[in-house]
Amino acid sequence: MRIDRLKRLAVASAVCVLAGCTLAPTYHAPETATPSVFKEASATAGLTISGWIAAQPSDGEPRGPWWSAFHDPVRDDLETHAEAASPTLAAALARYDGALRCRARRHTRRVG
């Protein structure tokens, strides 16, 4: 009886494994004709025929206080206070180191 159950389990497992195999044909991407030069492209410096200008990213440029674009004195005041109260990286690192030392002392008390 036990061997019959094992045979059924083996057959069911084999069926499940084989069901995962795909019989679909291999996908081949269709070939698309792509022009070597687009009609909007121009030989001039960044300009195109239709008047578009090529993008010149300036992510590295300083942007200044972004919140001043809203012209809201309350927001300006909140941002000024938040920036003044925000810890510097050195202060944050000092707090982190202090927390690690405190944790080490607690662990020492438990062990010792």
PDB file of N, CA and C in Angstrom:
ATOM      1  N   MET A   1       0.822  -1.190   0.000  1.00  0.00           N
ATOM      2  CA  MET A   1       0.000   0.000   0.000  1.00  0.00           C
ATOM      3  C   MET A   1       0.867   1.254   0.000  1.00  0.00           C
ATOM      4  N   ARG A   2       1.936   1.252   0.793  1.00  0.00           N
ATOM      5  CA  ARG A   2       2.817   2.418   0.882  1.00  0.00           C
ATOM      6  C   ARG A   2       3.559   2.628  -0.431  1.00  0.00           C
ATOM      7  N   ILE A   3       3.987   1.560  -1.096  1.00  0.00           N
ATOM      8  CA  ILE A   3       4.707   1.671  -2.368  1.00  0.00           C
ATOM      9  C   ILE A   3       3.784   2.235  -3.438  1.00  0.00           C
ATOM     10  N   ASP A   4       2.514   1.840  -3.419  1.00  0.00           N
ATOM     11  CA  ASP A   4       1.548   2.358  -4.388  1.00  0.00           C
ATOM     12  C   ASP A   4       1.382   3.869  -4.215  1.00  0.00           C
ATOM     13  N   ARG A   5       1.358   4.309  -2.974  1.00  0.00           N
ATOM     14  CA  ARG A   5       1.235   5.740  -2.683  1.00  0.00           C
ATOM     15  C   ARG A   5       2.473   6.503  -3.168  1.00  0.00           C
ATOM     16  N   LEU A   6       3.654   5.921  -2.974  1.00  0.00           N
ATOM     17  CA  LEU A   6       4.887   6.551  -3.441  1.00  0.00           C
ATOM     18  C   LEU A   6       4.926   6.632  -4.960  1.00  0.00           C
ATOM     19  N   LYS A   7       4.425   5.602  -5.643  1.00  0.00           N
ATOM     20  CA  LYS A   7       4.380   5.631  -7.111  1.00  0.00           C
ATOM     21  C   LYS A   7       3.468   6.751  -7.596  1.00  0.00           C
ATOM     22  N   ARG A   8       2.310   6.872  -6.959  1.00  0.00           N
ATOM     23  CA  ARG A   8       1.385   7.945  -7.348  1.00  0.00           C
ATOM     24  C   ARG A   8       2.013   9.326  -7.114  1.00  0.00           C
ATOM     25  N   LEU A   9       2.701   9.463  -5.994  1.00  0.00           N
ATOM     26  CA  LEU A   9       3.363  10.733  -5.691  1.00  0.00           C
ATOM     27  C   LEU A   9       4.462  11.030  -6.706  1.00  0.00           C
ATOM     28  N   ALA A  10       5.209  10.003  -7.108  1.00  0.00           N
ATOM     29  CA  ALA A  10       6.270  10.189  -8.101  1.00  0.00           C
ATOM     30  C   ALA A  10       5.686  10.584  -9.446  1.00  0.00           C
ATOM     31  N   VAL A  11       4.604   9.934  -9.854  1.00  0.00           N
ATOM     32  CA  VAL A  11       3.959  10.271 -11.132  1.00  0.00           C
ATOM     33  C   VAL A  11       3.398  11.687 -11.075  1.00  0.00           C
ATOM     34  N   ALA A  12       2.756  12.053  -9.981  1.00  0.00           N
ATOM     35  CA  ALA A  12       2.200  13.405  -9.854  1.00  0.00           C
ATOM     36  C   ALA A  12       3.310  14.450  -9.878  1.00  0.00           C
ATOM     37  N   SER A  13       4.421  14.162  -9.223  1.00  0.00           N
ATOM     38  CA  SER A  13       5.553  15.097  -9.236  1.00  0.00           C
ATOM     39  C   SER A  13       6.117  15.244 -10.635  1.00  0.00           C
ATOM     40  N   ALA A  14       6.255  14.125 -11.351  1.00  0.00           N
ATOM     41  CA  ALA A  14       6.779  14.178 -12.716  1.00  0.00           C
ATOM     42  C   ALA A  14       5.852  14.970 -13.624  1.00  0.00           C
ATOM     43  N   VAL A  15       4.548  14.793 -13.461  1.00  0.00           N
ATOM     44  CA  VAL A  15       3.585  15.544 -14.266  1.00  0.00           C
ATOM     45  C   VAL A  15       3.705  17.036 -13.966  1.00  0.00           C
ATOM     46  N   CYS A  16       3.840  17.392 -12.707  1.00  0.00           N
ATOM     47  CA  CYS A  16       3.978  18.814 -12.346  1.00  0.00           C
ATOM     48  C   CYS A  16       5.258  19.411 -12.913  1.00  0.00           C
ATOM     49  N   VAL A  17       6.344  18.665 -12.869  1.00  0.00           N
ATOM     50  CA  VAL A  17       7.612  19.165 -13.407  1.00  0.00           C
ATOM     51  C   VAL A  17       7.516  19.331 -14.910  1.00  0.00           C
ATOM     52  N   LEU A  18       6.949  18.348 -15.594  1.00  0.00           N
ATOM     53  CA  LEU A  18       6.838  18.428 -17.053  1.00  0.00           C
ATOM     54  C   LEU A  18       5.837  19.490 -17.491  1.00  0.00           C
ATOM     55  N   ALA A  19       4.867  19.804 -16.650  1.00  0.00           N
ATOM     56  CA  ALA A  19       3.905  20.846 -16.993  1.00  0.00           C
ATOM     57  C   ALA A  19       4.575  22.209 -17.053  1.00  0.00           C
ATOM     58  N   GLY A  20       5.685  22.347 -16.365  1.00  0.00           N
ATOM     59  CA  GLY A  20       6.415  23.612 -16.393  1.00  0.00           C
ATOM     60  C   GLY A  20       7.192  23.819 -17.676  1.00  0.00           C
ATOM     61  N   CYS A  21       7.402  22.768 -18.447  1.00  0.00           N
ATOM     62  CA  CYS A  21       8.125  22.899 -19.714  1.00  0.00           C
ATOM     63  C   CYS A  21       7.219  23.556 -20.740  1.00  0.00           C
ATOM     64  N   THR A  22       7.774  24.434 -21.523  1.00  0.00           N
ATOM     65  CA  THR A  22       6.979  25.126 -22.527  1.00  0.00           C
ATOM     66  C   THR A  22       7.121  24.442 -23.874  1.00  0.00           C
ATOM     67  N   LEU A  23       6.037  24.405 -24.589  1.00  0.00           N
ATOM     68  CA  LEU A  23       6.044  23.834 -25.928  1.00  0.00           C
ATOM     69  C   LEU A  23       5.817  24.920 -26.972  1.00  0.00           C
ATOM     70  N   ALA A  24       5.805  26.162 -26.535  1.00  0.00           N
ATOM     71  CA  ALA A  24       5.576  27.275 -27.453  1.00  0.00           C
ATOM     72  C   ALA A  24       6.793  27.459 -28.350  1.00  0.00           C
ATOM     73  N   PRO A  25       6.566  27.979 -29.556  1.00  0.00           N
ATOM     74  CA  PRO A  25       7.707  28.217 -30.443  1.00  0.00           C
ATOM     75  C   PRO A  25       8.602  29.325 -29.905  1.00  0.00           C
ATOM     76  N   THR A  26       9.855  29.314 -30.304  1.00  0.00           N
ATOM     77  CA  THR A  26      10.816  30.322 -29.877  1.00  0.00           C
ATOM     78  C   THR A  26      10.431  31.672 -30.471  1.00  0.00           C
ATOM     79  N   TYR A  27      10.437  32.705 -29.632  1.00  0.00           N
ATOM     80  CA  TYR A  27      10.060  34.043 -30.087  1.00  0.00           C
ATOM     81  C   TYR A  27      11.205  34.681 -30.853  1.00  0.00           C
ATOM     82  N   HIS A  28      10.881  35.238 -32.003  1.00  0.00           N
ATOM     83  CA  HIS A  28      11.846  35.998 -32.793  1.00  0.00           C
ATOM     84  C   HIS A  28      11.272  37.396 -32.977  1.00  0.00           C
ATOM     85  N   ALA A  29      12.028  38.400 -32.559  1.00  0.00           N
ATOM     86  CA  ALA A  29      11.566  39.780 -32.695  1.00  0.00           C
ATOM     87  C   ALA A  29      11.488  40.149 -34.170  1.00  0.00           C
ATOM     88  N   PRO A  30      10.408  40.807 -34.579  1.00  0.00           N
ATOM     89  CA  PRO A  30      10.297  41.198 -35.988  1.00  0.00           C
ATOM     90  C   PRO A  30      11.316  42.278 -36.335  1.00  0.00           C
ATOM     91  N   GLU A  31      11.789  42.229 -37.538  1.00  0.00           N
ATOM     92  CA  GLU A  31      12.751  43.242 -37.985  1.00  0.00           C
ATOM     93  C   GLU A  31      12.005  44.526 -38.313  1.00  0.00           C
ATOM     94  N   THR A  32      12.557  45.633 -37.863  1.00  0.00           N
ATOM     95  CA  THR A  32      11.953  46.941 -38.078  1.00  0.00           C
ATOM     96  C   THR A  32      12.927  47.808 -38.851  1.00  0.00           C
ATOM     97  N   ALA A  33      12.416  48.437 -39.882  1.00  0.00           N
ATOM     98  CA  ALA A  33      13.268  49.324 -40.671  1.00  0.00           C
ATOM     99  C   ALA A  33      13.477  50.621 -39.897  1.00  0.00           C
ATOM    100  N   THR A  34      14.716  50.953 -39.598  1.00  0.00           N
ATOM    101  CA  THR A  34      15.050  52.161 -38.858  1.00  0.00           C
ATOM    102  C   THR A  34      15.902  53.058 -39.738  1.00  0.00           C
ATOM    103  N   PRO A  35      15.492  54.316 -39.905  1.00  0.00           N
ATOM    104  CA  PRO A  35      16.291  55.209 -40.745  1.00  0.00           C
ATOM    105  C   PRO A  35      17.619  55.552 -40.075  1.00  0.00           C
ATOM    106  N   SER A  36      18.626  55.814 -40.882  1.00  0.00           N
ATOM    107  CA  SER A  36      19.932  56.166 -40.327  1.00  0.00           C
ATOM    108  C   SER A  36      19.929  57.586 -39.769  1.00  0.00           C
ATOM    109  N   VAL A  37      19.116  58.475 -40.338  1.00  0.00           N
ATOM    110  CA  VAL A  37      19.009  59.858 -39.872  1.00  0.00           C
ATOM    111  C   VAL A  37      17.532  60.225 -39.847  1.00  0.00           C
ATOM    112  N   PHE A  38      17.097  60.861 -38.772  1.00  0.00           N
ATOM    113  CA  PHE A  38      15.717  61.294 -38.691  1.00  0.00           C
ATOM    114  C   PHE A  38      15.556  62.633 -39.400  1.00  0.00           C
ATOM    115  N   LYS A  39      14.375  62.861 -39.945  1.00  0.00           N
ATOM    116  CA  LYS A  39      14.161  64.082 -40.721  1.00  0.00           C
ATOM    117  C   LYS A  39      14.226  65.337 -39.856  1.00  0.00           C
ATOM    118  N   GLU A  40      13.986  65.213 -38.539  1.00  0.00           N
ATOM    119  CA  GLU A  40      14.031  66.372 -37.658  1.00  0.00           C
ATOM    120  C   GLU A  40      15.450  66.761 -37.272  1.00  0.00           C
ATOM    121  N   ALA A  41      16.410  65.881 -37.499  1.00  0.00           N
ATOM    122  CA  ALA A  41      17.790  66.160 -37.101  1.00  0.00           C
ATOM    123  C   ALA A  41      18.400  67.210 -38.014  1.00  0.00           C
ATOM    124  N   SER A  42      19.230  68.043 -37.439  1.00  0.00           N
ATOM    125  CA  SER A  42      19.888  69.094 -38.201  1.00  0.00           C
ATOM    126  C   SER A  42      21.376  69.065 -37.889  1.00  0.00           C
ATOM    127  N   ALA A  43      22.162  69.545 -38.806  1.00  0.00           N
ATOM    128  CA  ALA A  43      23.612  69.561 -38.613  1.00  0.00           C
ATOM    129  C   ALA A  43      24.053  70.738 -37.755  1.00  0.00           C
ATOM    130  N   THR A  44      23.162  71.697 -37.493  1.00  0.00           N
ATOM    131  CA  THR A  44      23.540  72.858 -36.686  1.00  0.00           C
ATOM    132  C   THR A  44      23.674  72.459 -35.227  1.00  0.00           C
ATOM    133  N   ALA A  45      24.263  73.324 -34.440  1.00  0.00           N
ATOM    134  CA  ALA A  45      24.604  73.026 -33.040  1.00  0.00           C
ATOM    135  C   ALA A  45      23.361  72.866 -32.178  1.00  0.00           C
ATOM    136  N   GLY A  46      22.867  71.641 -32.064  1.00  0.00           N
ATOM    137  CA  GLY A  46      21.775  71.354 -31.160  1.00  0.00           C
ATOM    138  C   GLY A  46      20.400  71.748 -31.652  1.00  0.00           C
ATOM    139  N   LEU A  47      20.290  72.494 -32.721  1.00  0.00           N
ATOM    140  CA  LEU A  47      18.984  72.910 -33.219  1.00  0.00           C
ATOM    141  C   LEU A  47      18.437  71.879 -34.193  1.00  0.00           C
ATOM    142  N   THR A  48      17.130  71.783 -34.229  1.00  0.00           N
ATOM    143  CA  THR A  48      16.497  70.898 -35.188  1.00  0.00           C
ATOM    144  C   THR A  48      15.702  71.732 -36.173  1.00  0.00           C
ATOM    145  N   ILE A  49      15.270  71.107 -37.211  1.00  0.00           N
ATOM    146  CA  ILE A  49      14.544  71.820 -38.260  1.00  0.00           C
ATOM    147  C   ILE A  49      13.244  72.404 -37.723  1.00  0.00           C
ATOM    148  N   SER A  50      12.561  71.669 -36.866  1.00  0.00           N
ATOM    149  CA  SER A  50      11.269  72.134 -36.377  1.00  0.00           C
ATOM    150  C   SER A  50      11.385  73.139 -35.231  1.00  0.00           C
ATOM    151  N   GLY A  51      12.595  73.549 -34.855  1.00  0.00           N
ATOM    152  CA  GLY A  51      12.770  74.563 -33.826  1.00  0.00           C
ATOM    153  C   GLY A  51      13.023  74.026 -32.432  1.00  0.00           C
ATOM    154  N   TRP A  52      13.062  72.726 -32.270  1.00  0.00           N
ATOM    155  CA  TRP A  52      13.358  72.151 -30.965  1.00  0.00           C
ATOM    156  C   TRP A  52      14.833  72.294 -30.660  1.00  0.00           C
ATOM    157  N   ILE A  53      15.148  72.431 -29.390  1.00  0.00           N
ATOM    158  CA  ILE A  53      16.540  72.554 -28.960  1.00  0.00           C
ATOM    159  C   ILE A  53      16.898  71.314 -28.144  1.00  0.00           C
ATOM    160  N   ALA A  54      18.071  70.789 -28.375  1.00  0.00           N
ATOM    161  CA  ALA A  54      18.520  69.609 -27.639  1.00  0.00           C
ATOM    162  C   ALA A  54      18.683  69.946 -26.160  1.00  0.00           C
ATOM    163  N   ALA A  55      18.335  69.003 -25.311  1.00  0.00           N
ATOM    164  CA  ALA A  55      18.422  69.204 -23.863  1.00  0.00           C
ATOM    165  C   ALA A  55      19.872  69.285 -23.412  1.00  0.00           C
ATOM    166  N   GLN A  56      20.113  70.128 -22.432  1.00  0.00           N
ATOM    167  CA  GLN A  56      21.434  70.252 -21.826  1.00  0.00           C
ATOM    168  C   GLN A  56      21.253  70.107 -20.317  1.00  0.00           C
ATOM    169  N   PRO A  57      21.319  68.873 -19.805  1.00  0.00           N
ATOM    170  CA  PRO A  57      21.066  68.643 -18.379  1.00  0.00           C
ATOM    171  C   PRO A  57      22.010  69.443 -17.491  1.00  0.00           C
ATOM    172  N   SER A  58      21.452  69.959 -16.410  1.00  0.00           N
ATOM    173  CA  SER A  58      22.254  70.722 -15.453  1.00  0.00           C
ATOM    174  C   SER A  58      21.947  70.252 -14.035  1.00  0.00           C
ATOM    175  N   ASP A  59      21.962  68.942 -13.849  1.00  0.00           N
ATOM    176  CA  ASP A  59      21.644  68.380 -12.538  1.00  0.00           C
ATOM    177  C   ASP A  59      22.650  68.789 -11.472  1.00  0.00           C
ATOM    178  N   GLY A  60      23.886  69.031 -11.848  1.00  0.00           N
ATOM    179  CA  GLY A  60      24.916  69.375 -10.877  1.00  0.00           C
ATOM    180  C   GLY A  60      24.892  70.826 -10.440  1.00  0.00           C
ATOM    181  N   GLU A  61      24.118  71.655 -11.094  1.00  0.00           N
ATOM    182  CA  GLU A  61      24.074  73.078 -10.766  1.00  0.00           C
ATOM    183  C   GLU A  61      23.316  73.308  -9.456  1.00  0.00           C
ATOM    184  N   PRO A  62      23.767  74.265  -8.634  1.00  0.00           N
ATOM    185  CA  PRO A  62      23.028  74.569  -7.398  1.00  0.00           C
ATOM    186  C   PRO A  62      21.690  75.225  -7.733  1.00  0.00           C
ATOM    187  N   ARG A  63      20.666  74.827  -7.031  1.00  0.00           N
ATOM    188  CA  ARG A  63      19.327  75.323  -7.325  1.00  0.00           C
ATOM    189  C   ARG A  63      18.836  76.338  -6.288  1.00  0.00           C
ATOM    190  N   GLY A  64      19.483  76.432  -5.158  1.00  0.00           N
ATOM    191  CA  GLY A  64      19.052  77.383  -4.141  1.00  0.00           C
ATOM    192  C   GLY A  64      17.847  76.862  -3.381  1.00  0.00           C
ATOM    193  N   PRO A  65      17.205  77.729  -2.622  1.00  0.00           N
ATOM    194  CA  PRO A  65      16.046  77.294  -1.832  1.00  0.00           C
ATOM    195  C   PRO A  65      14.838  77.025  -2.729  1.00  0.00           C
ATOM    196  N   TRP A  66      14.478  75.767  -2.894  1.00  0.00           N
ATOM    197  CA  TRP A  66      13.392  75.395  -3.791  1.00  0.00           C
ATOM    198  C   TRP A  66      12.047  75.907  -3.301  1.00  0.00           C
ATOM    199  N   TRP A  67      11.910  76.061  -1.988  1.00  0.00           N
ATOM    200  CA  TRP A  67      10.626  76.445  -1.432  1.00  0.00           C
ATOM    201  C   TRP A  67      10.285  77.907  -1.704  1.00  0.00           C
ATOM    202  N   SER A  68      11.253  78.699  -2.099  1.00  0.00           N
ATOM    203  CA  SER A  68      10.961  80.115  -2.366  1.00  0.00           C
ATOM    204  C   SER A  68      10.115  80.287  -3.621  1.00  0.00           C
ATOM    205  N   ALA A  69      10.003  79.245  -4.437  1.00  0.00           N
ATOM    206  CA  ALA A  69       9.170  79.324  -5.642  1.00  0.00           C
ATOM    207  C   ALA A  69       7.691  79.453  -5.294  1.00  0.00           C
ATOM    208  N   PHE A  70       7.296  79.102  -4.065  1.00  0.00           N
ATOM    209  CA  PHE A  70       5.896  79.173  -3.662  1.00  0.00           C
ATOM    210  C   PHE A  70       5.499  80.550  -3.131  1.00  0.00           C
ATOM    211  N   HIS A  71       6.474  81.411  -2.869  1.00  0.00           N
ATOM    212  CA  HIS A  71       6.221  82.772  -2.363  1.00  0.00           C
ATOM    213  C   HIS A  71       5.326  82.734  -1.122  1.00  0.00           C
ATOM    214  N   ASP A  72       5.683  81.868  -0.193  1.00  0.00           N
ATOM    215  CA  ASP A  72       4.909  81.700   1.032  1.00  0.00           C
ATOM    216  C   ASP A  72       5.820  82.002   2.221  1.00  0.00           C
ATOM    217  N   PRO A  73       5.585  83.116   2.926  1.00  0.00           N
ATOM    218  CA  PRO A  73       6.466  83.472   4.043  1.00  0.00           C
ATOM    219  C   PRO A  73       6.424  82.449   5.186  1.00  0.00           C
ATOM    220  N   VAL A  74       5.288  81.801   5.397  1.00  0.00           N
ATOM    221  CA  VAL A  74       5.204  80.793   6.457  1.00  0.00           C
ATOM    222  C   VAL A  74       6.108  79.610   6.114  1.00  0.00           C
ATOM    223  N   ARG A  75       6.058  79.180   4.867  1.00  0.00           N
ATOM    224  CA  ARG A  75       6.915  78.068   4.435  1.00  0.00           C
ATOM    225  C   ARG A  75       8.385  78.472   4.534  1.00  0.00           C
ATOM    226  N   ASP A  76       8.695  79.701   4.121  1.00  0.00           N
ATOM    227  CA  ASP A  76      10.083  80.169   4.221  1.00  0.00           C
ATOM    228  C   ASP A  76      10.569  80.119   5.670  1.00  0.00           C
ATOM    229  N   ASP A  77       9.714  80.563   6.595  1.00  0.00           N
ATOM    230  CA  ASP A  77      10.079  80.561   8.011  1.00  0.00           C
ATOM    231  C   ASP A  77      10.263  79.131   8.530  1.00  0.00           C
ATOM    232  N   LEU A  78       9.355  78.227   8.147  1.00  0.00           N
ATOM    233  CA  LEU A  78       9.466  76.832   8.579  1.00  0.00           C
ATOM    234  C   LEU A  78      10.748  76.189   8.053  1.00  0.00           C
ATOM    235  N   GLU A  79      11.054  76.428   6.796  1.00  0.00           N
ATOM    236  CA  GLU A  79      12.264  75.845   6.209  1.00  0.00           C
ATOM    237  C   GLU A  79      13.523  76.404   6.865  1.00  0.00           C
ATOM    238  N   THR A  80      13.509  77.693   7.176  1.00  0.00           N
ATOM    239  CA  THR A  80      14.662  78.310   7.834  1.00  0.00           C
ATOM    240  C   THR A  80      14.873  77.699   9.217  1.00  0.00           C
ATOM    241  N   HIS A  81      13.777  77.535   9.976  1.00  0.00           N
ATOM    242  CA  HIS A  81      13.888  76.926  11.310  1.00  0.00           C
ATOM    243  C   HIS A  81      14.309  75.466  11.217  1.00  0.00           C
ATOM    244  N   ALA A  82      13.762  74.747  10.254  1.00  0.00           N
ATOM    245  CA  ALA A  82      14.106  73.326  10.105  1.00  0.00           C
ATOM    246  C   ALA A  82      15.573  73.158   9.746  1.00  0.00           C
ATOM    247  N   GLU A  83      16.067  74.019   8.882  1.00  0.00           N
ATOM    248  CA  GLU A  83      17.473  73.930   8.482  1.00  0.00           C
ATOM    249  C   GLU A  83      18.398  74.270   9.650  1.00  0.00           C
ATOM    250  N   ALA A  84      17.989  75.239  10.470  1.00  0.00           N
ATOM    251  CA  ALA A  84      18.818  75.616  11.618  1.00  0.00           C
ATOM    252  C   ALA A  84      18.818  74.515  12.680  1.00  0.00           C
ATOM    253  N   ALA A  85      17.690  73.814  12.844  1.00  0.00           N
ATOM    254  CA  ALA A  85      17.590  72.773  13.868  1.00  0.00           C
ATOM    255  C   ALA A  85      18.111  71.427  13.387  1.00  0.00           C
ATOM    256  N   SER A  86      18.360  71.304  12.105  1.00  0.00           N
ATOM    257  CA  SER A  86      18.824  70.033  11.557  1.00  0.00           C
ATOM    258  C   SER A  86      20.275  69.789  11.954  1.00  0.00           C
ATOM    259  N   PRO A  87      20.580  68.590  12.460  1.00  0.00           N
ATOM    260  CA  PRO A  87      21.961  68.324  12.870  1.00  0.00           C
ATOM    261  C   PRO A  87      22.874  68.159  11.661  1.00  0.00           C
ATOM    262  N   THR A  88      24.096  68.524  11.844  1.00  0.00           N
ATOM    263  CA  THR A  88      25.069  68.314  10.781  1.00  0.00           C
ATOM    264  C   THR A  88      25.436  66.838  10.754  1.00  0.00           C
ATOM    265  N   LEU A  89      26.161  66.449   9.755  1.00  0.00           N
ATOM    266  CA  LEU A  89      26.576  65.057   9.640  1.00  0.00           C
ATOM    267  C   LEU A  89      27.460  64.651  10.813  1.00  0.00           C
ATOM    268  N   ALA A  90      28.324  65.555  11.246  1.00  0.00           N
ATOM    269  CA  ALA A  90      29.201  65.244  12.379  1.00  0.00           C
ATOM    270  C   ALA A  90      28.389  65.034  13.652  1.00  0.00           C
ATOM    271  N   ALA A  91      27.376  65.868  13.868  1.00  0.00           N
ATOM    272  CA  ALA A  91      26.545  65.718  15.059  1.00  0.00           C
ATOM    273  C   ALA A  91      25.744  64.420  15.002  1.00  0.00           C
ATOM    274  N   ALA A  92      25.233  64.084  13.831  1.00  0.00           N
ATOM    275  CA  ALA A  92      24.486  62.836  13.688  1.00  0.00           C
ATOM    276  C   ALA A  92      25.390  61.635  13.932  1.00  0.00           C
ATOM    277  N   LEU A  93      26.611  61.697  13.439  1.00  0.00           N
ATOM    278  CA  LEU A  93      27.563  60.610  13.659  1.00  0.00           C
ATOM    279  C   LEU A  93      27.916  60.490  15.142  1.00  0.00           C
ATOM    280  N   ALA A  94      28.055  61.620  15.819  1.00  0.00           N
ATOM    281  CA  ALA A  94      28.351  61.591  17.256  1.00  0.00           C
ATOM    282  C   ALA A  94      27.201  60.951  18.032  1.00  0.00           C
ATOM    283  N   ARG A  95      25.958  61.263  17.653  1.00  0.00           N
ATOM    284  CA  ARG A  95      24.805  60.639  18.302  1.00  0.00           C
ATOM    285  C   ARG A  95      24.797  59.133  18.060  1.00  0.00           C
ATOM    286  N   TYR A  96      25.081  58.748  16.851  1.00  0.00           N
ATOM    287  CA  TYR A  96      25.103  57.325  16.500  1.00  0.00           C
ATOM    288  C   TYR A  96      26.173  56.590  17.303  1.00  0.00           C
ATOM    289  N   ASP A  97      27.367  57.172  17.377  1.00  0.00           N
ATOM    290  CA  ASP A  97      28.442  56.547  18.155  1.00  0.00           C
ATOM    291  C   ASP A  97      28.061  56.442  19.632  1.00  0.00           C
ATOM    292  N   GLY A  98      27.421  57.480  20.154  1.00  0.00           N
ATOM    293  CA  GLY A  98      26.974  57.445  21.546  1.00  0.00           C
ATOM    294  C   GLY A  98      25.955  56.338  21.776  1.00  0.00           C
ATOM    295  N   ALA A  99      25.048  56.162  20.831  1.00  0.00           N
ATOM    296  CA  ALA A  99      24.054  55.094  20.958  1.00  0.00           C
ATOM    297  C   ALA A  99      24.719  53.728  20.927  1.00  0.00           C
ATOM    298  N   LEU A 100      25.732  53.567  20.085  1.00  0.00           N
ATOM    299  CA  LEU A 100      26.451  52.291  20.039  1.00  0.00           C
ATOM    300  C   LEU A 100      27.171  52.013  21.356  1.00  0.00           C
ATOM    301  N   ARG A 101      27.789  53.041  21.944  1.00  0.00           N
ATOM    302  CA  ARG A 101      28.473  52.859  23.226  1.00  0.00           C
ATOM    303  C   ARG A 101      27.477  52.499  24.329  1.00  0.00           C
ATOM    304  N   CYS A 102      26.334  53.154  24.312  1.00  0.00           N
ATOM    305  CA  CYS A 102      25.300  52.869  25.310  1.00  0.00           C
ATOM    306  C   CYS A 102      24.811  51.427  25.166  1.00  0.00           C
ATOM    307  N   ARG A 103      24.620  50.999  23.953  1.00  0.00           N
ATOM    308  CA  ARG A 103      24.188  49.621  23.700  1.00  0.00           C
ATOM    309  C   ARG A 103      25.247  48.623  24.168  1.00  0.00           C
ATOM    310  N   ALA A 104      26.509  48.948  23.924  1.00  0.00           N
ATOM    311  CA  ALA A 104      27.592  48.056  24.351  1.00  0.00           C
ATOM    312  C   ALA A 104      27.635  47.958  25.875  1.00  0.00           C
ATOM    313  N   ARG A 105      27.404  49.073  26.581  1.00  0.00           N
ATOM    314  CA  ARG A 105      27.397  49.044  28.046  1.00  0.00           C
ATOM    315  C   ARG A 105      26.257  48.181  28.569  1.00  0.00           C
ATOM    316  N   ARG A 106      25.078  48.306  27.953  1.00  0.00           N
ATOM    317  CA  ARG A 106      23.938  47.489  28.387  1.00  0.00           C
ATOM    318  C   ARG A 106      24.224  46.008  28.167  1.00  0.00           C
ATOM    319  N   HIS A 107      24.823  45.706  27.029  1.00  0.00           N
ATOM    320  CA  HIS A 107      25.147  44.311  26.722  1.00  0.00           C
ATOM    321  C   HIS A 107      26.173  43.773  27.719  1.00  0.00           C
ATOM    322  N   THR A 108      27.132  44.606  28.104  1.00  0.00           N
ATOM    323  CA  THR A 108      28.155  44.191  29.067  1.00  0.00           C
ATOM    324  C   THR A 108      27.521  43.904  30.423  1.00  0.00           C
ATOM    325  N   ARG A 109      26.554  44.718  30.833  1.00  0.00           N
ATOM    326  CA  ARG A 109      25.880  44.497  32.114  1.00  0.00           C
ATOM    327  C   ARG A 109      25.114  43.177  32.115  1.00  0.00           C
ATOM    328  N   ARG A 110      24.471  42.855  30.983  1.00  0.00           N
ATOM    329  CA  ARG A 110      23.703  41.615  30.908  1.00  0.00           C
ATOM    330  C   ARG A 110      24.620  40.400  30.974  1.00  0.00           C
ATOM    331  N   VAL A 111      25.733  40.476  30.267  1.00  0.00           N
ATOM    332  CA  VAL A 111      26.653  39.344  30.207  1.00  0.00           C
ATOM    333  C   VAL A 111      27.418  39.205  31.513  1.00  0.00           C
ATOM    334  N   GLY A 112      27.910  40.324  32.035  1.00  0.00           N
ATOM    335  CA  GLY A 112      28.789  40.304  33.201  1.00  0.00           C
ATOM    336  C   GLY A 112      28.109  40.222  34.475  1.00  0.00           C
TER     337      GLY A 112
END
